[in-house]
Amino acid sequence: MKNLETFENFTSSTDAKTPKSAIDDSLKNSINVYRFDNKISQNRASSKSNALNTKEVIHKACDWCLDQTSHIFMFEIAMVETGLGSSKKSRATRGDIGRGLWHVDKGTFEWTKTPHVRTNKALDSLKKKGIDWSLLTWNEISNNILLGAIACKLVLLKKNVKVIDGGNTLMAQRAKIYASRYNGGGTAEAETNYVKNCKAWYKFLKDNAGVEYLDFNGQRYEVKDNGLYKK
């Protein structure tokens, strides 16, 4: 298969063999709004905007993939995996390290491209929006937080993971699912680290970033030291 150009560097060509872009021309400007450096800062002082932008792309990914589950789970995965983008590994573009806020590895990313009964509707929906997921490259999900969120959503859908949104009372359940189905090998240590990191980040967002509330899928949650609580 020929190497595909990323949509950021896509240019017109008279060469009939020029590879087709994964992103339709009409959608490129809208997608480019979510380029990593436009939306995510590695400065922890910018954690409020990072949190709000992460929440925004999760909502859009769920809408575009036709599935309104796992909003909070996806948010917490981003906290656990890359500290909402504050970790250097969230910007990786070389080597085997996972890509983007959700730290999706190459094998898993390529797996999301193959047709499957659990993701076919989502892939069709994306194509109608102007994204041919089969043509997307792994590094593009590192460069763009919306594409990274869609990749995470497709991973969850293909693994048949649909977590009902809920606040702090369901965090232990999300930790167990994370450890067994996303990243962690099903170990008790992974579950413990998930809860520990989530609580630390919620406390930081409340105390240091001034985030008092977060809205997920039409429900408002109050941010407290140990998690989210329905209002």
C-alpha atoms as a PDB file:
ATOM      1  CA  MET A   1       0.000   0.000   0.000  1.00  0.00           C
ATOM      2  CA  LYS A   2       1.308   3.436  -0.865  1.00  0.00           C
ATOM      3  CA  ASN A   3       2.080   5.841   1.933  1.00  0.00           C
ATOM      4  CA  LEU A   4      -0.810   8.206   2.511  1.00  0.00           C
ATOM      5  CA  GLU A   5      -0.327  11.920   2.996  1.00  0.00           C
ATOM      6  CA  THR A   6      -1.779  13.422   6.163  1.00  0.00           C
ATOM      7  CA  PHE A   7      -4.635  15.770   5.557  1.00  0.00           C
ATOM      8  CA  GLU A   8      -2.638  18.668   7.039  1.00  0.00           C
ATOM      9  CA  ASN A   9      -0.072  18.391   4.251  1.00  0.00           C
ATOM     10  CA  PHE A  10      -2.504  17.437   1.519  1.00  0.00           C
ATOM     11  CA  THR A  11      -1.977  19.420  -1.690  1.00  0.00           C
ATOM     12  CA  SER A  12      -3.616  19.186  -5.066  1.00  0.00           C
ATOM     13  CA  SER A  13      -1.717  17.453  -7.803  1.00  0.00           C
ATOM     14  CA  THR A  14      -2.183  16.753 -11.474  1.00  0.00           C
ATOM     15  CA  ASP A  15      -0.660  13.334 -10.914  1.00  0.00           C
ATOM     16  CA  ALA A  16      -3.492  10.818 -11.269  1.00  0.00           C
ATOM     17  CA  LYS A  17      -1.697   8.529  -8.795  1.00  0.00           C
ATOM     18  CA  THR A  18      -1.902  11.008  -5.913  1.00  0.00           C
ATOM     19  CA  PRO A  19      -3.370   9.106  -2.925  1.00  0.00           C
ATOM     20  CA  LYS A  20      -6.853  10.044  -1.843  1.00  0.00           C
ATOM     21  CA  SER A  21      -7.011  12.093   1.357  1.00  0.00           C
ATOM     22  CA  ALA A  22      -8.701  10.545   4.377  1.00  0.00           C
ATOM     23  CA  ILE A  23     -10.474  13.841   5.057  1.00  0.00           C
ATOM     24  CA  ASP A  24     -12.867  15.367   2.555  1.00  0.00           C
ATOM     25  CA  ASP A  25     -11.863  18.861   1.404  1.00  0.00           C
ATOM     26  CA  SER A  26     -15.107  20.326   2.747  1.00  0.00           C
ATOM     27  CA  LEU A  27     -14.322  19.055   6.257  1.00  0.00           C
ATOM     28  CA  LYS A  28     -10.603  19.838   6.557  1.00  0.00           C
ATOM     29  CA  ASN A  29     -10.962  23.303   8.048  1.00  0.00           C
ATOM     30  CA  SER A  30     -13.421  22.036  10.670  1.00  0.00           C
ATOM     31  CA  ILE A  31     -11.132  19.137  11.563  1.00  0.00           C
ATOM     32  CA  ASN A  32      -8.025  21.331  11.689  1.00  0.00           C
ATOM     33  CA  VAL A  33      -9.614  23.355  14.486  1.00  0.00           C
ATOM     34  CA  TYR A  34      -8.860  20.337  16.670  1.00  0.00           C
ATOM     35  CA  ARG A  35      -5.176  20.100  15.835  1.00  0.00           C
ATOM     36  CA  PHE A  36      -3.359  19.115  19.008  1.00  0.00           C
ATOM     37  CA  ASP A  37      -1.322  22.298  19.468  1.00  0.00           C
ATOM     38  CA  ASN A  38      -4.400  24.471  18.916  1.00  0.00           C
ATOM     39  CA  LYS A  39      -6.337  22.780  21.703  1.00  0.00           C
ATOM     40  CA  ILE A  40      -4.034  21.073  24.201  1.00  0.00           C
ATOM     41  CA  SER A  41      -1.216  22.565  26.262  1.00  0.00           C
ATOM     42  CA  GLN A  42       1.409  20.661  28.236  1.00  0.00           C
ATOM     43  CA  ASN A  43       1.313  23.415  30.846  1.00  0.00           C
ATOM     44  CA  ARG A  44      -0.694  22.150  33.813  1.00  0.00           C
ATOM     45  CA  ALA A  45      -1.933  25.722  34.294  1.00  0.00           C
ATOM     46  CA  SER A  46      -3.909  25.177  31.091  1.00  0.00           C
ATOM     47  CA  SER A  47      -5.661  22.114  32.494  1.00  0.00           C
ATOM     48  CA  LYS A  48      -9.064  23.822  32.533  1.00  0.00           C
ATOM     49  CA  SER A  49      -9.048  24.460  28.793  1.00  0.00           C
ATOM     50  CA  ASN A  50      -7.568  20.988  28.209  1.00  0.00           C
ATOM     51  CA  ALA A  51     -10.438  19.439  30.180  1.00  0.00           C
ATOM     52  CA  LEU A  52     -13.115  21.440  28.370  1.00  0.00           C
ATOM     53  CA  ASN A  53     -11.630  20.739  24.942  1.00  0.00           C
ATOM     54  CA  THR A  54     -11.296  17.028  25.741  1.00  0.00           C
ATOM     55  CA  LYS A  55     -14.931  16.934  26.851  1.00  0.00           C
ATOM     56  CA  GLU A  56     -15.949  18.701  23.630  1.00  0.00           C
ATOM     57  CA  VAL A  57     -14.274  16.221  21.299  1.00  0.00           C
ATOM     58  CA  ILE A  58     -15.659  13.267  23.266  1.00  0.00           C
ATOM     59  CA  HIS A  59     -19.176  14.571  22.683  1.00  0.00           C
ATOM     60  CA  LYS A  60     -18.463  15.064  18.988  1.00  0.00           C
ATOM     61  CA  ALA A  61     -16.883  11.593  18.649  1.00  0.00           C
ATOM     62  CA  CYS A  62     -19.913   9.988  20.301  1.00  0.00           C
ATOM     63  CA  ASP A  63     -22.278  11.928  18.030  1.00  0.00           C
ATOM     64  CA  TRP A  64     -20.386  11.083  14.858  1.00  0.00           C
ATOM     65  CA  CYS A  65     -20.038   7.412  15.826  1.00  0.00           C
ATOM     66  CA  LEU A  66     -23.758   7.181  16.698  1.00  0.00           C
ATOM     67  CA  ASP A  67     -23.230   5.974  20.266  1.00  0.00           C
ATOM     68  CA  GLN A  68     -23.977   8.013  23.383  1.00  0.00           C
ATOM     69  CA  THR A  69     -22.233   5.873  25.983  1.00  0.00           C
ATOM     70  CA  SER A  70     -18.873   6.055  27.765  1.00  0.00           C
ATOM     71  CA  HIS A  71     -18.468   9.860  27.806  1.00  0.00           C
ATOM     72  CA  ILE A  72     -17.059   9.956  31.333  1.00  0.00           C
ATOM     73  CA  PHE A  73     -15.109   6.750  30.771  1.00  0.00           C
ATOM     74  CA  MET A  74     -13.362   8.310  27.754  1.00  0.00           C
ATOM     75  CA  PHE A  75     -12.627  11.453  29.769  1.00  0.00           C
ATOM     76  CA  GLU A  76     -11.092   9.418  32.574  1.00  0.00           C
ATOM     77  CA  ILE A  77      -9.057   7.312  30.126  1.00  0.00           C
ATOM     78  CA  ALA A  78      -7.511  10.550  28.847  1.00  0.00           C
ATOM     79  CA  MET A  79      -6.699  11.550  32.432  1.00  0.00           C
ATOM     80  CA  VAL A  80      -5.136   8.188  33.246  1.00  0.00           C
ATOM     81  CA  GLU A  81      -3.242   7.676  29.981  1.00  0.00           C
ATOM     82  CA  THR A  82      -1.814  11.153  29.342  1.00  0.00           C
ATOM     83  CA  GLY A  83      -3.009  13.531  32.060  1.00  0.00           C
ATOM     84  CA  LEU A  84      -5.364  15.240  29.593  1.00  0.00           C
ATOM     85  CA  GLY A  85      -2.392  15.908  27.337  1.00  0.00           C
ATOM     86  CA  SER A  86       0.033  17.166  29.980  1.00  0.00           C
ATOM     87  CA  SER A  87       2.231  14.087  29.487  1.00  0.00           C
ATOM     88  CA  LYS A  88       4.893  14.254  26.764  1.00  0.00           C
ATOM     89  CA  LYS A  89       3.813  10.839  25.500  1.00  0.00           C
ATOM     90  CA  SER A  90       0.535  12.381  24.306  1.00  0.00           C
ATOM     91  CA  ARG A  91       2.539  14.131  21.569  1.00  0.00           C
ATOM     92  CA  ALA A  92       4.466  11.091  20.363  1.00  0.00           C
ATOM     93  CA  THR A  93       4.931  10.822  16.597  1.00  0.00           C
ATOM     94  CA  ARG A  94       7.854   8.382  16.510  1.00  0.00           C
ATOM     95  CA  GLY A  95       8.513   4.881  17.750  1.00  0.00           C
ATOM     96  CA  ASP A  96       6.019   2.341  19.036  1.00  0.00           C
ATOM     97  CA  ILE A  97       4.516   4.486  21.802  1.00  0.00           C
ATOM     98  CA  GLY A  98       0.746   4.967  21.656  1.00  0.00           C
ATOM     99  CA  ARG A  99      -0.641   8.060  19.969  1.00  0.00           C
ATOM    100  CA  GLY A 100      -2.746  10.946  21.210  1.00  0.00           C
ATOM    101  CA  LEU A 101      -4.594  11.688  24.444  1.00  0.00           C
ATOM    102  CA  TRP A 102      -5.967   8.145  24.543  1.00  0.00           C
ATOM    103  CA  HIS A 103      -2.586   6.525  23.824  1.00  0.00           C
ATOM    104  CA  VAL A 104      -3.854   4.230  21.070  1.00  0.00           C
ATOM    105  CA  ASP A 105      -1.132   1.867  19.821  1.00  0.00           C
ATOM    106  CA  LYS A 106      -0.573   1.157  16.151  1.00  0.00           C
ATOM    107  CA  GLY A 107      -1.931  -2.375  16.103  1.00  0.00           C
ATOM    108  CA  THR A 108      -5.126  -1.314  17.844  1.00  0.00           C
ATOM    109  CA  PHE A 109      -5.538   1.670  15.534  1.00  0.00           C
ATOM    110  CA  GLU A 110      -5.184  -0.500  12.424  1.00  0.00           C
ATOM    111  CA  TRP A 111      -7.685  -2.928  13.978  1.00  0.00           C
ATOM    112  CA  THR A 112     -10.306  -0.141  14.133  1.00  0.00           C
ATOM    113  CA  LYS A 113     -10.149   0.144  10.327  1.00  0.00           C
ATOM    114  CA  THR A 114     -11.330  -3.374   9.589  1.00  0.00           C
ATOM    115  CA  PRO A 115     -15.099  -3.808   9.090  1.00  0.00           C
ATOM    116  CA  HIS A 116     -17.014  -5.265  12.022  1.00  0.00           C
ATOM    117  CA  VAL A 117     -20.674  -5.514  12.924  1.00  0.00           C
ATOM    118  CA  ARG A 118     -20.077  -3.387  16.041  1.00  0.00           C
ATOM    119  CA  THR A 119     -18.413  -0.513  14.187  1.00  0.00           C
ATOM    120  CA  ASN A 120     -19.824  -0.598  10.659  1.00  0.00           C
ATOM    121  CA  LYS A 121     -22.522   1.990  11.400  1.00  0.00           C
ATOM    122  CA  ALA A 122     -19.968   4.285  13.030  1.00  0.00           C
ATOM    123  CA  LEU A 123     -17.563   3.961  10.109  1.00  0.00           C
ATOM    124  CA  ASP A 124     -20.390   4.645   7.646  1.00  0.00           C
ATOM    125  CA  SER A 125     -21.425   7.694   9.660  1.00  0.00           C
ATOM    126  CA  LEU A 126     -17.858   9.017   9.651  1.00  0.00           C
ATOM    127  CA  LYS A 127     -17.644   8.529   5.895  1.00  0.00           C
ATOM    128  CA  LYS A 128     -20.845  10.512   5.408  1.00  0.00           C
ATOM    129  CA  LYS A 129     -19.325  13.282   7.538  1.00  0.00           C
ATOM    130  CA  GLY A 130     -16.273  13.284   5.272  1.00  0.00           C
ATOM    131  CA  ILE A 131     -13.803  11.000   7.082  1.00  0.00           C
ATOM    132  CA  ASP A 132     -12.694   7.813   5.352  1.00  0.00           C
ATOM    133  CA  TRP A 133     -11.284   6.054   8.403  1.00  0.00           C
ATOM    134  CA  SER A 134      -9.681   3.327   6.288  1.00  0.00           C
ATOM    135  CA  LEU A 135      -7.319   5.941   4.786  1.00  0.00           C
ATOM    136  CA  LEU A 136      -6.341   7.647   8.040  1.00  0.00           C
ATOM    137  CA  THR A 137      -2.777   7.276   9.342  1.00  0.00           C
ATOM    138  CA  TRP A 138      -1.733   6.473  12.895  1.00  0.00           C
ATOM    139  CA  ASN A 139       0.115   9.767  13.382  1.00  0.00           C
ATOM    140  CA  GLU A 140      -2.973  11.762  12.460  1.00  0.00           C
ATOM    141  CA  ILE A 141      -4.635  10.756  15.724  1.00  0.00           C
ATOM    142  CA  SER A 142      -1.588  12.135  17.527  1.00  0.00           C
ATOM    143  CA  ASN A 143      -1.852  15.454  15.707  1.00  0.00           C
ATOM    144  CA  ASN A 144      -5.587  15.931  16.210  1.00  0.00           C
ATOM    145  CA  ILE A 145      -7.580  15.441  19.412  1.00  0.00           C
ATOM    146  CA  LEU A 146     -10.915  14.901  17.645  1.00  0.00           C
ATOM    147  CA  LEU A 147      -9.471  12.090  15.544  1.00  0.00           C
ATOM    148  CA  GLY A 148      -7.891  10.678  18.714  1.00  0.00           C
ATOM    149  CA  ALA A 149     -11.267  10.695  20.452  1.00  0.00           C
ATOM    150  CA  ILE A 150     -12.873   8.929  17.485  1.00  0.00           C
ATOM    151  CA  ALA A 151     -10.124   6.289  17.573  1.00  0.00           C
ATOM    152  CA  CYS A 152     -10.798   5.662  21.276  1.00  0.00           C
ATOM    153  CA  LYS A 153     -14.533   5.465  20.609  1.00  0.00           C
ATOM    154  CA  LEU A 154     -14.049   2.929  17.821  1.00  0.00           C
ATOM    155  CA  VAL A 155     -11.807   0.823  20.073  1.00  0.00           C
ATOM    156  CA  LEU A 156     -14.506   0.744  22.756  1.00  0.00           C
ATOM    157  CA  LEU A 157     -17.258  -0.045  20.269  1.00  0.00           C
ATOM    158  CA  LYS A 158     -15.314  -2.844  18.654  1.00  0.00           C
ATOM    159  CA  LYS A 159     -14.578  -4.354  22.058  1.00  0.00           C
ATOM    160  CA  ASN A 160     -18.284  -4.019  22.885  1.00  0.00           C
ATOM    161  CA  VAL A 161     -17.545  -1.637  25.746  1.00  0.00           C
ATOM    162  CA  LYS A 162     -20.487   0.669  26.377  1.00  0.00           C
ATOM    163  CA  VAL A 163     -20.176   2.166  29.832  1.00  0.00           C
ATOM    164  CA  ILE A 164     -23.219   3.923  31.279  1.00  0.00           C
ATOM    165  CA  ASP A 165     -22.259   7.408  32.364  1.00  0.00           C
ATOM    166  CA  GLY A 166     -22.326   7.897  36.098  1.00  0.00           C
ATOM    167  CA  GLY A 167     -20.442   9.844  38.707  1.00  0.00           C
ATOM    168  CA  ASN A 168     -18.147   8.817  41.495  1.00  0.00           C
ATOM    169  CA  THR A 169     -20.248   5.794  42.491  1.00  0.00           C
ATOM    170  CA  LEU A 170     -19.376   4.054  39.205  1.00  0.00           C
ATOM    171  CA  MET A 171     -15.668   4.882  39.157  1.00  0.00           C
ATOM    172  CA  ALA A 172     -14.666   1.470  40.528  1.00  0.00           C
ATOM    173  CA  GLN A 173     -16.691  -0.189  37.774  1.00  0.00           C
ATOM    174  CA  ARG A 174     -14.977   1.966  35.137  1.00  0.00           C
ATOM    175  CA  ALA A 175     -11.591   1.092  36.645  1.00  0.00           C
ATOM    176  CA  LYS A 176     -12.334  -2.610  36.318  1.00  0.00           C
ATOM    177  CA  ILE A 177     -13.425  -2.205  32.688  1.00  0.00           C
ATOM    178  CA  TYR A 178     -10.345  -0.097  31.921  1.00  0.00           C
ATOM    179  CA  ALA A 179      -8.015  -2.693  33.381  1.00  0.00           C
ATOM    180  CA  SER A 180      -9.651  -5.645  31.659  1.00  0.00           C
ATOM    181  CA  ARG A 181     -10.719  -4.157  28.311  1.00  0.00           C
ATOM    182  CA  TYR A 182      -8.611  -1.084  27.515  1.00  0.00           C
ATOM    183  CA  ASN A 183      -5.136  -1.098  29.053  1.00  0.00           C
ATOM    184  CA  GLY A 184      -3.878  -2.877  32.108  1.00  0.00           C
ATOM    185  CA  GLY A 185      -4.046  -6.619  31.595  1.00  0.00           C
ATOM    186  CA  GLY A 186      -6.907  -7.006  34.044  1.00  0.00           C
ATOM    187  CA  THR A 187      -4.670  -6.480  37.063  1.00  0.00           C
ATOM    188  CA  ALA A 188      -5.789  -5.137  40.423  1.00  0.00           C
ATOM    189  CA  GLU A 189      -2.855  -2.715  40.247  1.00  0.00           C
ATOM    190  CA  ALA A 190      -4.239  -1.185  37.029  1.00  0.00           C
ATOM    191  CA  GLU A 191      -7.632  -0.746  38.678  1.00  0.00           C
ATOM    192  CA  THR A 192      -6.047   0.905  41.712  1.00  0.00           C
ATOM    193  CA  ASN A 193      -3.946   3.228  39.549  1.00  0.00           C
ATOM    194  CA  TYR A 194      -7.001   4.207  37.519  1.00  0.00           C
ATOM    195  CA  VAL A 195      -8.927   5.294  40.606  1.00  0.00           C
ATOM    196  CA  LYS A 196      -5.887   6.980  42.138  1.00  0.00           C
ATOM    197  CA  ASN A 197      -5.098   8.976  38.993  1.00  0.00           C
ATOM    198  CA  CYS A 198      -8.702   9.961  38.358  1.00  0.00           C
ATOM    199  CA  LYS A 199      -9.209  11.230  41.898  1.00  0.00           C
ATOM    200  CA  ALA A 200      -5.916  13.141  41.780  1.00  0.00           C
ATOM    201  CA  TRP A 201      -6.884  14.791  38.507  1.00  0.00           C
ATOM    202  CA  TYR A 202     -10.414  15.695  39.637  1.00  0.00           C
ATOM    203  CA  LYS A 203      -8.950  17.278  42.762  1.00  0.00           C
ATOM    204  CA  PHE A 204      -6.410  19.178  40.655  1.00  0.00           C
ATOM    205  CA  LEU A 205      -9.086  20.394  38.243  1.00  0.00           C
ATOM    206  CA  LYS A 206     -11.212  21.633  41.151  1.00  0.00           C
ATOM    207  CA  ASP A 207      -8.515  23.148  43.355  1.00  0.00           C
ATOM    208  CA  ASN A 208      -5.949  24.368  40.831  1.00  0.00           C
ATOM    209  CA  ALA A 209      -7.745  24.772  37.520  1.00  0.00           C
ATOM    210  CA  GLY A 210     -11.030  26.205  38.739  1.00  0.00           C
ATOM    211  CA  VAL A 211     -13.247  23.549  37.139  1.00  0.00           C
ATOM    212  CA  GLU A 212     -16.424  23.398  39.222  1.00  0.00           C
ATOM    213  CA  TYR A 213     -18.740  21.535  36.856  1.00  0.00           C
ATOM    214  CA  LEU A 214     -18.497  19.261  33.817  1.00  0.00           C
ATOM    215  CA  ASP A 215     -21.411  18.365  31.566  1.00  0.00           C
ATOM    216  CA  PHE A 216     -21.524  14.924  29.967  1.00  0.00           C
ATOM    217  CA  ASN A 217     -24.302  13.798  27.647  1.00  0.00           C
ATOM    218  CA  GLY A 218     -26.813  16.319  28.965  1.00  0.00           C
ATOM    219  CA  GLN A 219     -26.062  15.687  32.644  1.00  0.00           C
ATOM    220  CA  ARG A 220     -24.219  18.190  34.841  1.00  0.00           C
ATOM    221  CA  TYR A 221     -21.691  16.860  37.352  1.00  0.00           C
ATOM    222  CA  GLU A 222     -20.030  18.720  40.181  1.00  0.00           C
ATOM    223  CA  VAL A 223     -16.264  18.223  40.328  1.00  0.00           C
ATOM    224  CA  LYS A 224     -15.153  17.239  43.822  1.00  0.00           C
ATOM    225  CA  ASP A 225     -11.895  15.995  45.351  1.00  0.00           C
ATOM    226  CA  ASN A 226     -12.649  12.342  44.666  1.00  0.00           C
ATOM    227  CA  GLY A 227     -14.710  12.438  41.481  1.00  0.00           C
ATOM    228  CA  LEU A 228     -17.883  13.615  39.779  1.00  0.00           C
ATOM    229  CA  TYR A 229     -21.256  13.969  41.467  1.00  0.00           C
ATOM    230  CA  LYS A 230     -24.586  14.440  39.702  1.00  0.00           C
ATOM    231  CA  LYS A 231     -26.236  17.790  40.239  1.00  0.00           C
END
